[in-house]
Amino acid sequence: MVGFLLFLAAIVAAIIWLISLYNKLIDLRNRFKNAFSQIDVQLKRRYDLIPNLVETVKGYMAHERDTLEAVIAARNKALTASDKAAANPADAGAMRDLMAAESTLAGGLGKLFALSESYPDLKANQNMMQLSEDLTSTENKVAFARQAFNDAVTSYNTEIEKFPGNMIANTFGFVRAELLKATESEAERKAVQVKF
């Protein structure tokens, strides 16, 4: 009888242990999803600032219409990719699309800011200075949010790869999450410089 009770206690302990591992994976997955939502908030703020920036610049840089249209197109593509990634931050394809769209947007903004250096009146415009400050602040918040997201994803991925977490992860369909990384192009790895 004692042997049976010990066996039963071992089974109950194993079940409790497996449940705690499963719950830990759920917790880690929810943390990285929450971390992505913090990125999403900052990206949406940046996407909202870009049309104001283009409107401010438009009067000064009328003959740079192609650049302005490219920035708006890149912004719209990045917004769509962000919405898709926000729907499922664990979707590696959506995260890659977001990184590619963000890279295109950063390149367009970089070109816009480089061109704006040729317009001293634009650099002195109060609205432009405020937008510049807002964009710089938002870029810093995006960088911090990305770091928090990557930390959360790393913790999650580590847990689903370690034994015995990998057994629980495989059984219940937990998949690796994609880190937000810089792209391979050296020009795209540079931060958008916002200065007026």
N, C-alpha and C. Protein backbone atom coordinates (compact mmCIF):
# COMPACT_ATOMS: atom_id res chain seq x y z
N MET A 1 0.82 -1.20 0.00
CA MET A 1 0.00 0.00 0.00
C MET A 1 0.87 1.27 0.00
N VAL A 2 1.95 1.25 0.77
CA VAL A 2 2.85 2.41 0.83
C VAL A 2 3.50 2.65 -0.54
N GLY A 3 3.86 1.57 -1.21
CA GLY A 3 4.45 1.68 -2.53
C GLY A 3 3.48 2.31 -3.53
N PHE A 4 2.22 1.92 -3.43
CA PHE A 4 1.21 2.48 -4.31
C PHE A 4 1.02 3.98 -4.05
N LEU A 5 1.00 4.37 -2.78
CA LEU A 5 0.85 5.78 -2.42
C LEU A 5 2.05 6.60 -2.89
N LEU A 6 3.26 6.04 -2.78
CA LEU A 6 4.46 6.72 -3.29
C LEU A 6 4.39 6.87 -4.81
N PHE A 7 3.95 5.82 -5.47
CA PHE A 7 3.80 5.87 -6.92
C PHE A 7 2.77 6.94 -7.31
N LEU A 8 1.64 6.97 -6.61
CA LEU A 8 0.59 7.95 -6.87
C LEU A 8 1.10 9.37 -6.61
N ALA A 9 1.87 9.54 -5.54
CA ALA A 9 2.43 10.86 -5.22
C ALA A 9 3.40 11.31 -6.31
N ALA A 10 4.19 10.36 -6.82
CA ALA A 10 5.14 10.68 -7.90
C ALA A 10 4.39 11.10 -9.16
N ILE A 11 3.31 10.43 -9.48
CA ILE A 11 2.50 10.77 -10.65
C ILE A 11 1.90 12.17 -10.48
N VAL A 12 1.35 12.46 -9.32
CA VAL A 12 0.75 13.76 -9.05
C VAL A 12 1.82 14.85 -9.13
N ALA A 13 3.00 14.58 -8.57
CA ALA A 13 4.09 15.56 -8.62
C ALA A 13 4.52 15.82 -10.07
N ALA A 14 4.59 14.76 -10.87
CA ALA A 14 4.98 14.91 -12.28
C ALA A 14 3.94 15.74 -13.03
N ILE A 15 2.67 15.50 -12.76
CA ILE A 15 1.60 16.26 -13.42
C ILE A 15 1.67 17.72 -13.03
N ILE A 16 1.86 18.00 -11.76
CA ILE A 16 1.98 19.39 -11.29
C ILE A 16 3.19 20.05 -11.93
N TRP A 17 4.29 19.33 -12.04
CA TRP A 17 5.51 19.87 -12.66
C TRP A 17 5.27 20.19 -14.13
N LEU A 18 4.60 19.28 -14.87
CA LEU A 18 4.30 19.51 -16.28
C LEU A 18 3.36 20.70 -16.45
N ILE A 19 2.39 20.82 -15.57
CA ILE A 19 1.47 21.96 -15.64
C ILE A 19 2.23 23.26 -15.40
N SER A 20 3.15 23.26 -14.45
CA SER A 20 3.92 24.49 -14.18
C SER A 20 4.81 24.84 -15.37
N LEU A 21 5.40 23.84 -16.05
CA LEU A 21 6.20 24.11 -17.25
C LEU A 21 5.34 24.70 -18.35
N TYR A 22 4.17 24.12 -18.56
CA TYR A 22 3.25 24.62 -19.57
C TYR A 22 2.86 26.07 -19.27
N ASN A 23 2.53 26.34 -18.03
CA ASN A 23 2.14 27.70 -17.63
C ASN A 23 3.30 28.68 -17.79
N LYS A 24 4.51 28.23 -17.56
CA LYS A 24 5.68 29.10 -17.74
C LYS A 24 5.83 29.47 -19.22
N LEU A 25 5.61 28.50 -20.11
CA LEU A 25 5.69 28.79 -21.54
C LEU A 25 4.60 29.78 -21.96
N ILE A 26 3.41 29.62 -21.42
CA ILE A 26 2.32 30.56 -21.71
C ILE A 26 2.72 31.95 -21.23
N ASP A 27 3.26 32.04 -20.03
CA ASP A 27 3.70 33.33 -19.47
C ASP A 27 4.75 33.98 -20.36
N LEU A 28 5.75 33.21 -20.78
CA LEU A 28 6.82 33.77 -21.62
C LEU A 28 6.29 34.20 -22.99
N ARG A 29 5.38 33.41 -23.55
CA ARG A 29 4.80 33.78 -24.84
C ARG A 29 3.99 35.08 -24.71
N ASN A 30 3.23 35.21 -23.64
CA ASN A 30 2.45 36.43 -23.43
C ASN A 30 3.36 37.63 -23.19
N ARG A 31 4.49 37.42 -22.55
CA ARG A 31 5.43 38.53 -22.33
C ARG A 31 5.99 39.05 -23.64
N PHE A 32 6.36 38.16 -24.56
CA PHE A 32 6.92 38.68 -25.82
C PHE A 32 5.82 39.30 -26.68
N LYS A 33 4.61 38.79 -26.59
CA LYS A 33 3.51 39.43 -27.31
C LYS A 33 3.23 40.82 -26.74
N ASN A 34 3.28 40.95 -25.43
CA ASN A 34 3.11 42.26 -24.81
C ASN A 34 4.25 43.19 -25.20
N ALA A 35 5.45 42.67 -25.23
CA ALA A 35 6.61 43.49 -25.62
C ALA A 35 6.44 43.98 -27.06
N PHE A 36 5.90 43.13 -27.94
CA PHE A 36 5.67 43.59 -29.31
C PHE A 36 4.60 44.67 -29.34
N SER A 37 3.59 44.54 -28.50
CA SER A 37 2.55 45.57 -28.51
C SER A 37 3.12 46.92 -28.10
N GLN A 38 4.17 46.93 -27.28
CA GLN A 38 4.83 48.20 -26.92
C GLN A 38 5.56 48.78 -28.14
N ILE A 39 6.17 47.92 -28.94
CA ILE A 39 6.79 48.38 -30.18
C ILE A 39 5.71 48.94 -31.10
N ASP A 40 4.62 48.20 -31.21
CA ASP A 40 3.54 48.59 -32.10
C ASP A 40 3.00 49.97 -31.75
N VAL A 41 2.86 50.27 -30.47
CA VAL A 41 2.38 51.58 -30.05
C VAL A 41 3.32 52.68 -30.55
N GLN A 42 4.62 52.47 -30.39
CA GLN A 42 5.59 53.48 -30.81
C GLN A 42 5.65 53.59 -32.34
N LEU A 43 5.56 52.45 -33.02
CA LEU A 43 5.56 52.50 -34.49
C LEU A 43 4.35 53.26 -35.00
N LYS A 44 3.19 53.03 -34.41
CA LYS A 44 1.98 53.74 -34.84
C LYS A 44 2.17 55.25 -34.62
N ARG A 45 2.79 55.61 -33.50
CA ARG A 45 3.05 57.03 -33.24
C ARG A 45 3.95 57.61 -34.34
N ARG A 46 4.98 56.86 -34.70
CA ARG A 46 5.87 57.33 -35.76
C ARG A 46 5.12 57.42 -37.08
N TYR A 47 4.31 56.42 -37.39
CA TYR A 47 3.56 56.44 -38.64
C TYR A 47 2.61 57.63 -38.68
N ASP A 48 2.07 58.00 -37.52
CA ASP A 48 1.19 59.17 -37.46
C ASP A 48 1.94 60.48 -37.65
N LEU A 49 3.20 60.52 -37.24
CA LEU A 49 4.00 61.74 -37.39
C LEU A 49 4.46 61.96 -38.83
N ILE A 50 4.65 60.90 -39.57
CA ILE A 50 5.23 61.02 -40.91
C ILE A 50 4.37 61.86 -41.86
N PRO A 51 3.04 61.68 -41.93
CA PRO A 51 2.26 62.56 -42.82
C PRO A 51 2.40 64.05 -42.44
N ASN A 52 2.47 64.34 -41.14
CA ASN A 52 2.67 65.73 -40.72
C ASN A 52 4.03 66.24 -41.18
N LEU A 53 5.03 65.39 -41.10
CA LEU A 53 6.37 65.75 -41.55
C LEU A 53 6.34 66.05 -43.05
N VAL A 54 5.72 65.18 -43.81
CA VAL A 54 5.66 65.36 -45.27
C VAL A 54 4.91 66.64 -45.61
N GLU A 55 3.81 66.91 -44.92
CA GLU A 55 3.04 68.14 -45.18
C GLU A 55 3.89 69.38 -44.89
N THR A 56 4.65 69.34 -43.81
CA THR A 56 5.51 70.47 -43.46
C THR A 56 6.60 70.67 -44.49
N VAL A 57 7.17 69.60 -44.95
CA VAL A 57 8.28 69.65 -45.90
C VAL A 57 7.80 70.01 -47.31
N LYS A 58 6.57 69.62 -47.62
CA LYS A 58 6.04 69.76 -48.98
C LYS A 58 6.18 71.18 -49.54
N GLY A 59 5.88 72.17 -48.75
CA GLY A 59 5.96 73.55 -49.22
C GLY A 59 7.37 73.99 -49.56
N TYR A 60 8.34 73.46 -48.87
CA TYR A 60 9.73 73.85 -49.09
C TYR A 60 10.40 73.00 -50.17
N MET A 61 9.98 71.76 -50.28
CA MET A 61 10.66 70.83 -51.18
C MET A 61 9.71 70.37 -52.28
N ALA A 62 9.02 71.27 -52.90
CA ALA A 62 8.01 70.91 -53.91
C ALA A 62 8.61 70.10 -55.05
N HIS A 63 9.84 70.39 -55.44
CA HIS A 63 10.41 69.65 -56.57
C HIS A 63 10.99 68.30 -56.14
N GLU A 64 10.87 67.95 -54.88
CA GLU A 64 11.31 66.64 -54.38
C GLU A 64 10.10 65.72 -54.18
N ARG A 65 9.12 65.87 -55.04
CA ARG A 65 7.86 65.14 -54.91
C ARG A 65 8.06 63.62 -54.87
N ASP A 66 8.97 63.10 -55.68
CA ASP A 66 9.21 61.65 -55.70
C ASP A 66 9.65 61.14 -54.33
N THR A 67 10.51 61.90 -53.68
CA THR A 67 10.99 61.50 -52.35
C THR A 67 9.83 61.52 -51.36
N LEU A 68 9.02 62.56 -51.40
CA LEU A 68 7.90 62.66 -50.48
C LEU A 68 6.90 61.52 -50.69
N GLU A 69 6.61 61.22 -51.95
CA GLU A 69 5.69 60.12 -52.24
C GLU A 69 6.28 58.78 -51.83
N ALA A 70 7.58 58.62 -51.99
CA ALA A 70 8.23 57.37 -51.58
C ALA A 70 8.15 57.18 -50.07
N VAL A 71 8.31 58.26 -49.32
CA VAL A 71 8.21 58.18 -47.86
C VAL A 71 6.80 57.79 -47.44
N ILE A 72 5.80 58.40 -48.05
CA ILE A 72 4.41 58.07 -47.71
C ILE A 72 4.10 56.62 -48.09
N ALA A 73 4.56 56.17 -49.26
CA ALA A 73 4.32 54.78 -49.68
C ALA A 73 5.01 53.81 -48.72
N ALA A 74 6.24 54.14 -48.32
CA ALA A 74 6.97 53.28 -47.38
C ALA A 74 6.27 53.26 -46.02
N ARG A 75 5.75 54.41 -45.61
CA ARG A 75 5.02 54.49 -44.34
C ARG A 75 3.79 53.61 -44.38
N ASN A 76 3.04 53.67 -45.49
CA ASN A 76 1.82 52.86 -45.61
C ASN A 76 2.14 51.37 -45.62
N LYS A 77 3.21 51.01 -46.31
CA LYS A 77 3.61 49.60 -46.35
C LYS A 77 4.05 49.14 -44.96
N ALA A 78 4.79 49.97 -44.25
CA ALA A 78 5.24 49.62 -42.90
C ALA A 78 4.05 49.50 -41.95
N LEU A 79 3.07 50.38 -42.10
CA LEU A 79 1.88 50.33 -41.25
C LEU A 79 1.12 49.02 -41.47
N THR A 80 0.98 48.62 -42.72
CA THR A 80 0.31 47.35 -43.03
C THR A 80 1.09 46.17 -42.46
N ALA A 81 2.41 46.19 -42.62
CA ALA A 81 3.25 45.11 -42.09
C ALA A 81 3.20 45.08 -40.57
N SER A 82 3.14 46.24 -39.95
CA SER A 82 3.05 46.32 -38.49
C SER A 82 1.74 45.72 -38.00
N ASP A 83 0.66 46.03 -38.68
CA ASP A 83 -0.64 45.47 -38.30
C ASP A 83 -0.63 43.94 -38.41
N LYS A 84 -0.03 43.43 -39.47
CA LYS A 84 0.05 41.97 -39.67
C LYS A 84 0.91 41.33 -38.58
N ALA A 85 2.03 41.95 -38.24
CA ALA A 85 2.90 41.41 -37.19
C ALA A 85 2.23 41.51 -35.83
N ALA A 86 1.49 42.59 -35.59
CA ALA A 86 0.81 42.75 -34.31
C ALA A 86 -0.26 41.68 -34.10
N ALA A 87 -0.86 41.23 -35.20
CA ALA A 87 -1.88 40.19 -35.11
C ALA A 87 -1.29 38.87 -34.60
N ASN A 88 -0.03 38.61 -34.94
CA ASN A 88 0.63 37.39 -34.47
C ASN A 88 2.14 37.61 -34.44
N PRO A 89 2.68 38.12 -33.33
CA PRO A 89 4.12 38.38 -33.25
C PRO A 89 4.98 37.11 -33.36
N ALA A 90 4.37 35.96 -33.24
CA ALA A 90 5.13 34.72 -33.38
C ALA A 90 5.29 34.30 -34.85
N ASP A 91 4.60 34.98 -35.77
CA ASP A 91 4.68 34.65 -37.19
C ASP A 91 5.99 35.20 -37.77
N ALA A 92 6.91 34.30 -38.06
CA ALA A 92 8.23 34.70 -38.56
C ALA A 92 8.13 35.46 -39.87
N GLY A 93 7.24 35.06 -40.74
CA GLY A 93 7.08 35.75 -42.03
C GLY A 93 6.60 37.18 -41.84
N ALA A 94 5.65 37.37 -40.93
CA ALA A 94 5.15 38.72 -40.66
C ALA A 94 6.25 39.60 -40.06
N MET A 95 7.08 39.02 -39.21
CA MET A 95 8.17 39.79 -38.61
C MET A 95 9.21 40.16 -39.66
N ARG A 96 9.51 39.24 -40.57
CA ARG A 96 10.46 39.56 -41.65
C ARG A 96 9.90 40.65 -42.56
N ASP A 97 8.59 40.57 -42.86
CA ASP A 97 7.97 41.62 -43.68
C ASP A 97 8.04 42.97 -42.98
N LEU A 98 7.82 42.97 -41.67
CA LEU A 98 7.89 44.21 -40.90
C LEU A 98 9.31 44.77 -40.94
N MET A 99 10.30 43.91 -40.75
CA MET A 99 11.69 44.39 -40.77
C MET A 99 12.05 44.97 -42.14
N ALA A 100 11.59 44.32 -43.20
CA ALA A 100 11.87 44.82 -44.55
C ALA A 100 11.16 46.16 -44.79
N ALA A 101 9.90 46.26 -44.36
CA ALA A 101 9.15 47.52 -44.55
C ALA A 101 9.76 48.64 -43.72
N GLU A 102 10.18 48.34 -42.50
CA GLU A 102 10.82 49.34 -41.65
C GLU A 102 12.14 49.79 -42.25
N SER A 103 12.85 48.87 -42.86
CA SER A 103 14.12 49.21 -43.50
C SER A 103 13.90 50.17 -44.67
N THR A 104 12.87 49.89 -45.47
CA THR A 104 12.54 50.78 -46.59
C THR A 104 12.12 52.16 -46.09
N LEU A 105 11.32 52.18 -45.03
CA LEU A 105 10.89 53.45 -44.46
C LEU A 105 12.08 54.23 -43.90
N ALA A 106 12.97 53.56 -43.21
CA ALA A 106 14.16 54.23 -42.66
C ALA A 106 15.01 54.82 -43.78
N GLY A 107 15.14 54.09 -44.89
CA GLY A 107 15.89 54.61 -46.03
C GLY A 107 15.23 55.84 -46.63
N GLY A 108 13.91 55.81 -46.75
CA GLY A 108 13.18 56.97 -47.29
C GLY A 108 13.27 58.18 -46.38
N LEU A 109 13.14 57.95 -45.07
CA LEU A 109 13.26 59.06 -44.13
C LEU A 109 14.68 59.62 -44.12
N GLY A 110 15.65 58.74 -44.21
CA GLY A 110 17.04 59.19 -44.26
C GLY A 110 17.29 60.09 -45.46
N LYS A 111 16.74 59.69 -46.60
CA LYS A 111 16.89 60.51 -47.82
C LYS A 111 16.18 61.85 -47.66
N LEU A 112 14.98 61.81 -47.06
CA LEU A 112 14.22 63.05 -46.84
C LEU A 112 14.99 64.00 -45.93
N PHE A 113 15.54 63.50 -44.86
CA PHE A 113 16.28 64.36 -43.93
C PHE A 113 17.57 64.87 -44.57
N ALA A 114 18.19 64.04 -45.39
CA ALA A 114 19.41 64.50 -46.08
C ALA A 114 19.07 65.64 -47.05
N LEU A 115 17.98 65.49 -47.79
CA LEU A 115 17.56 66.54 -48.71
C LEU A 115 17.16 67.82 -47.98
N SER A 116 16.55 67.67 -46.83
CA SER A 116 16.08 68.84 -46.08
C SER A 116 17.24 69.71 -45.59
N GLU A 117 18.43 69.16 -45.54
CA GLU A 117 19.60 69.95 -45.13
C GLU A 117 19.86 71.10 -46.10
N SER A 118 19.38 70.97 -47.32
CA SER A 118 19.58 72.01 -48.33
C SER A 118 18.59 73.16 -48.22
N TYR A 119 17.69 73.11 -47.26
CA TYR A 119 16.64 74.11 -47.12
C TYR A 119 16.72 74.77 -45.74
N PRO A 120 17.48 75.85 -45.61
CA PRO A 120 17.64 76.50 -44.30
C PRO A 120 16.33 77.00 -43.71
N ASP A 121 15.40 77.48 -44.54
CA ASP A 121 14.12 77.94 -44.02
C ASP A 121 13.33 76.79 -43.39
N LEU A 122 13.43 75.63 -44.00
CA LEU A 122 12.76 74.45 -43.47
C LEU A 122 13.34 74.06 -42.11
N LYS A 123 14.66 74.12 -42.01
CA LYS A 123 15.32 73.76 -40.76
C LYS A 123 14.91 74.70 -39.63
N ALA A 124 14.56 75.95 -39.95
CA ALA A 124 14.19 76.93 -38.93
C ALA A 124 12.69 76.92 -38.63
N ASN A 125 11.90 76.18 -39.38
CA ASN A 125 10.45 76.13 -39.20
C ASN A 125 10.12 75.48 -37.84
N GLN A 126 9.29 76.18 -37.04
CA GLN A 126 8.93 75.69 -35.69
C GLN A 126 8.24 74.33 -35.76
N ASN A 127 7.31 74.16 -36.68
CA ASN A 127 6.61 72.89 -36.81
C ASN A 127 7.60 71.77 -37.14
N MET A 128 8.55 72.06 -38.01
CA MET A 128 9.55 71.06 -38.39
C MET A 128 10.44 70.70 -37.20
N MET A 129 10.81 71.71 -36.42
CA MET A 129 11.64 71.43 -35.24
C MET A 129 10.88 70.56 -34.23
N GLN A 130 9.58 70.84 -34.04
CA GLN A 130 8.79 70.04 -33.11
C GLN A 130 8.62 68.61 -33.62
N LEU A 131 8.34 68.47 -34.92
CA LEU A 131 8.23 67.13 -35.51
C LEU A 131 9.54 66.37 -35.40
N SER A 132 10.63 67.07 -35.61
CA SER A 132 11.95 66.46 -35.49
C SER A 132 12.18 65.94 -34.07
N GLU A 133 11.82 66.76 -33.10
CA GLU A 133 11.97 66.35 -31.70
C GLU A 133 11.07 65.16 -31.37
N ASP A 134 9.83 65.20 -31.85
CA ASP A 134 8.90 64.09 -31.62
C ASP A 134 9.39 62.80 -32.27
N LEU A 135 9.90 62.91 -33.50
CA LEU A 135 10.42 61.72 -34.19
C LEU A 135 11.64 61.16 -33.47
N THR A 136 12.53 62.02 -33.02
CA THR A 136 13.71 61.56 -32.31
C THR A 136 13.31 60.82 -31.04
N SER A 137 12.38 61.40 -30.30
CA SER A 137 11.89 60.77 -29.07
C SER A 137 11.25 59.42 -29.38
N THR A 138 10.45 59.39 -30.42
CA THR A 138 9.78 58.14 -30.80
C THR A 138 10.78 57.09 -31.24
N GLU A 139 11.79 57.49 -32.00
CA GLU A 139 12.83 56.54 -32.44
C GLU A 139 13.53 55.92 -31.22
N ASN A 140 13.80 56.73 -30.21
CA ASN A 140 14.43 56.21 -28.99
C ASN A 140 13.51 55.22 -28.29
N LYS A 141 12.23 55.54 -28.23
CA LYS A 141 11.27 54.62 -27.60
C LYS A 141 11.14 53.33 -28.38
N VAL A 142 11.17 53.42 -29.70
CA VAL A 142 11.12 52.21 -30.54
C VAL A 142 12.34 51.34 -30.25
N ALA A 143 13.51 51.95 -30.15
CA ALA A 143 14.73 51.19 -29.89
C ALA A 143 14.65 50.47 -28.54
N PHE A 144 14.18 51.16 -27.52
CA PHE A 144 14.04 50.52 -26.21
C PHE A 144 13.01 49.41 -26.24
N ALA A 145 11.89 49.64 -26.93
CA ALA A 145 10.85 48.62 -27.02
C ALA A 145 11.34 47.40 -27.80
N ARG A 146 12.13 47.62 -28.84
CA ARG A 146 12.68 46.49 -29.59
C ARG A 146 13.62 45.66 -28.72
N GLN A 147 14.42 46.34 -27.91
CA GLN A 147 15.32 45.62 -27.01
C GLN A 147 14.53 44.77 -26.02
N ALA A 148 13.47 45.33 -25.46
CA ALA A 148 12.63 44.58 -24.52
C ALA A 148 11.97 43.40 -25.22
N PHE A 149 11.52 43.62 -26.45
CA PHE A 149 10.91 42.53 -27.22
C PHE A 149 11.92 41.41 -27.47
N ASN A 150 13.11 41.78 -27.94
CA ASN A 150 14.12 40.76 -28.22
C ASN A 150 14.53 40.02 -26.95
N ASP A 151 14.58 40.70 -25.82
CA ASP A 151 14.88 40.02 -24.55
C ASP A 151 13.78 39.01 -24.21
N ALA A 152 12.52 39.42 -24.38
CA ALA A 152 11.40 38.53 -24.08
C ALA A 152 11.38 37.33 -25.04
N VAL A 153 11.65 37.58 -26.31
CA VAL A 153 11.69 36.49 -27.30
C VAL A 153 12.83 35.52 -26.98
N THR A 154 13.97 36.06 -26.60
CA THR A 154 15.11 35.20 -26.26
C THR A 154 14.77 34.30 -25.07
N SER A 155 14.15 34.85 -24.05
CA SER A 155 13.75 34.04 -22.89
C SER A 155 12.77 32.95 -23.30
N TYR A 156 11.81 33.32 -24.11
CA TYR A 156 10.81 32.36 -24.59
C TYR A 156 11.47 31.27 -25.43
N ASN A 157 12.27 31.68 -26.43
CA ASN A 157 12.92 30.69 -27.30
C ASN A 157 13.85 29.76 -26.52
N THR A 158 14.56 30.32 -25.55
CA THR A 158 15.45 29.49 -24.72
C THR A 158 14.65 28.44 -23.96
N GLU A 159 13.53 28.84 -23.41
CA GLU A 159 12.72 27.91 -22.62
C GLU A 159 12.13 26.81 -23.49
N ILE A 160 11.70 27.13 -24.72
CA ILE A 160 11.11 26.06 -25.55
C ILE A 160 12.17 25.17 -26.18
N GLU A 161 13.44 25.58 -26.11
CA GLU A 161 14.51 24.74 -26.64
C GLU A 161 15.14 23.85 -25.57
N LYS A 162 15.04 24.24 -24.31
CA LYS A 162 15.65 23.48 -23.23
C LYS A 162 14.80 22.26 -22.89
N PHE A 163 15.46 21.23 -22.43
CA PHE A 163 14.76 20.05 -21.93
C PHE A 163 14.32 20.32 -20.50
N PRO A 164 13.17 19.99 -20.11
CA PRO A 164 12.06 19.29 -20.75
C PRO A 164 11.05 20.23 -21.40
N GLY A 165 11.33 21.55 -21.36
CA GLY A 165 10.41 22.51 -21.97
C GLY A 165 10.16 22.22 -23.43
N ASN A 166 11.20 21.70 -24.13
CA ASN A 166 11.02 21.40 -25.55
C ASN A 166 9.97 20.31 -25.78
N MET A 167 9.86 19.38 -24.85
CA MET A 167 8.84 18.34 -25.00
C MET A 167 7.44 18.93 -24.86
N ILE A 168 7.27 19.80 -23.89
CA ILE A 168 5.98 20.46 -23.69
C ILE A 168 5.69 21.36 -24.89
N ALA A 169 6.71 22.12 -25.33
CA ALA A 169 6.54 23.03 -26.47
C ALA A 169 6.12 22.27 -27.72
N ASN A 170 6.79 21.17 -28.00
CA ASN A 170 6.44 20.38 -29.19
C ASN A 170 5.05 19.78 -29.08
N THR A 171 4.70 19.30 -27.90
CA THR A 171 3.39 18.67 -27.69
C THR A 171 2.25 19.66 -27.87
N PHE A 172 2.45 20.89 -27.38
CA PHE A 172 1.36 21.86 -27.38
C PHE A 172 1.51 22.95 -28.44
N GLY A 173 2.43 22.78 -29.37
CA GLY A 173 2.52 23.68 -30.53
C GLY A 173 3.14 25.04 -30.28
N PHE A 174 4.01 25.15 -29.29
CA PHE A 174 4.74 26.40 -29.10
C PHE A 174 5.86 26.45 -30.15
N VAL A 175 5.91 27.54 -30.91
CA VAL A 175 6.92 27.67 -31.96
C VAL A 175 7.87 28.80 -31.63
N ARG A 176 9.06 28.72 -32.21
CA ARG A 176 10.05 29.77 -32.01
C ARG A 176 9.51 31.11 -32.50
N ALA A 177 9.88 32.14 -31.79
CA ALA A 177 9.51 33.50 -32.20
C ALA A 177 10.71 34.14 -32.89
N GLU A 178 10.44 35.07 -33.77
CA GLU A 178 11.48 35.75 -34.55
C GLU A 178 11.95 36.99 -33.82
N LEU A 179 13.26 37.15 -33.72
CA LEU A 179 13.84 38.37 -33.16
C LEU A 179 13.75 39.49 -34.19
N LEU A 180 13.63 40.72 -33.72
CA LEU A 180 13.73 41.86 -34.62
C LEU A 180 15.20 42.17 -34.81
N LYS A 181 15.66 42.08 -36.05
CA LYS A 181 17.08 42.28 -36.34
C LYS A 181 17.24 43.38 -37.37
N ALA A 182 18.44 43.92 -37.39
CA ALA A 182 18.78 44.86 -38.45
C ALA A 182 18.94 44.07 -39.74
N THR A 183 18.74 44.73 -40.85
CA THR A 183 18.89 44.06 -42.13
C THR A 183 20.37 43.95 -42.48
N GLU A 184 20.65 43.31 -43.56
CA GLU A 184 22.04 43.05 -43.94
C GLU A 184 22.74 44.25 -44.57
N SER A 185 21.99 45.14 -45.19
CA SER A 185 22.58 46.29 -45.86
C SER A 185 23.20 47.24 -44.84
N GLU A 186 24.41 47.66 -45.09
CA GLU A 186 25.10 48.59 -44.18
C GLU A 186 24.37 49.91 -44.07
N ALA A 187 23.83 50.40 -45.18
CA ALA A 187 23.08 51.67 -45.16
C ALA A 187 21.82 51.53 -44.31
N GLU A 188 21.18 50.36 -44.36
CA GLU A 188 19.96 50.15 -43.61
C GLU A 188 20.23 49.93 -42.14
N ARG A 189 21.45 49.56 -41.77
CA ARG A 189 21.78 49.36 -40.37
C ARG A 189 21.96 50.68 -39.63
N LYS A 190 22.17 51.76 -40.35
CA LYS A 190 22.37 53.06 -39.72
C LYS A 190 21.04 53.59 -39.23
N ALA A 191 21.06 54.25 -38.08
CA ALA A 191 19.85 54.84 -37.53
C ALA A 191 19.44 56.05 -38.37
N VAL A 192 18.15 56.29 -38.41
CA VAL A 192 17.66 57.49 -39.09
C VAL A 192 18.13 58.69 -38.29
N GLN A 193 18.84 59.60 -38.96
CA GLN A 193 19.32 60.80 -38.29
C GLN A 193 18.29 61.90 -38.44
N VAL A 194 17.76 62.35 -37.33
CA VAL A 194 16.77 63.42 -37.33
C VAL A 194 17.41 64.62 -36.70
N LYS A 195 17.81 65.60 -37.54
CA LYS A 195 18.40 66.82 -37.00
C LYS A 195 18.12 67.98 -37.93
N PHE A 196 17.80 69.08 -37.31
CA PHE A 196 17.52 70.30 -38.07
C PHE A 196 18.18 71.47 -37.37
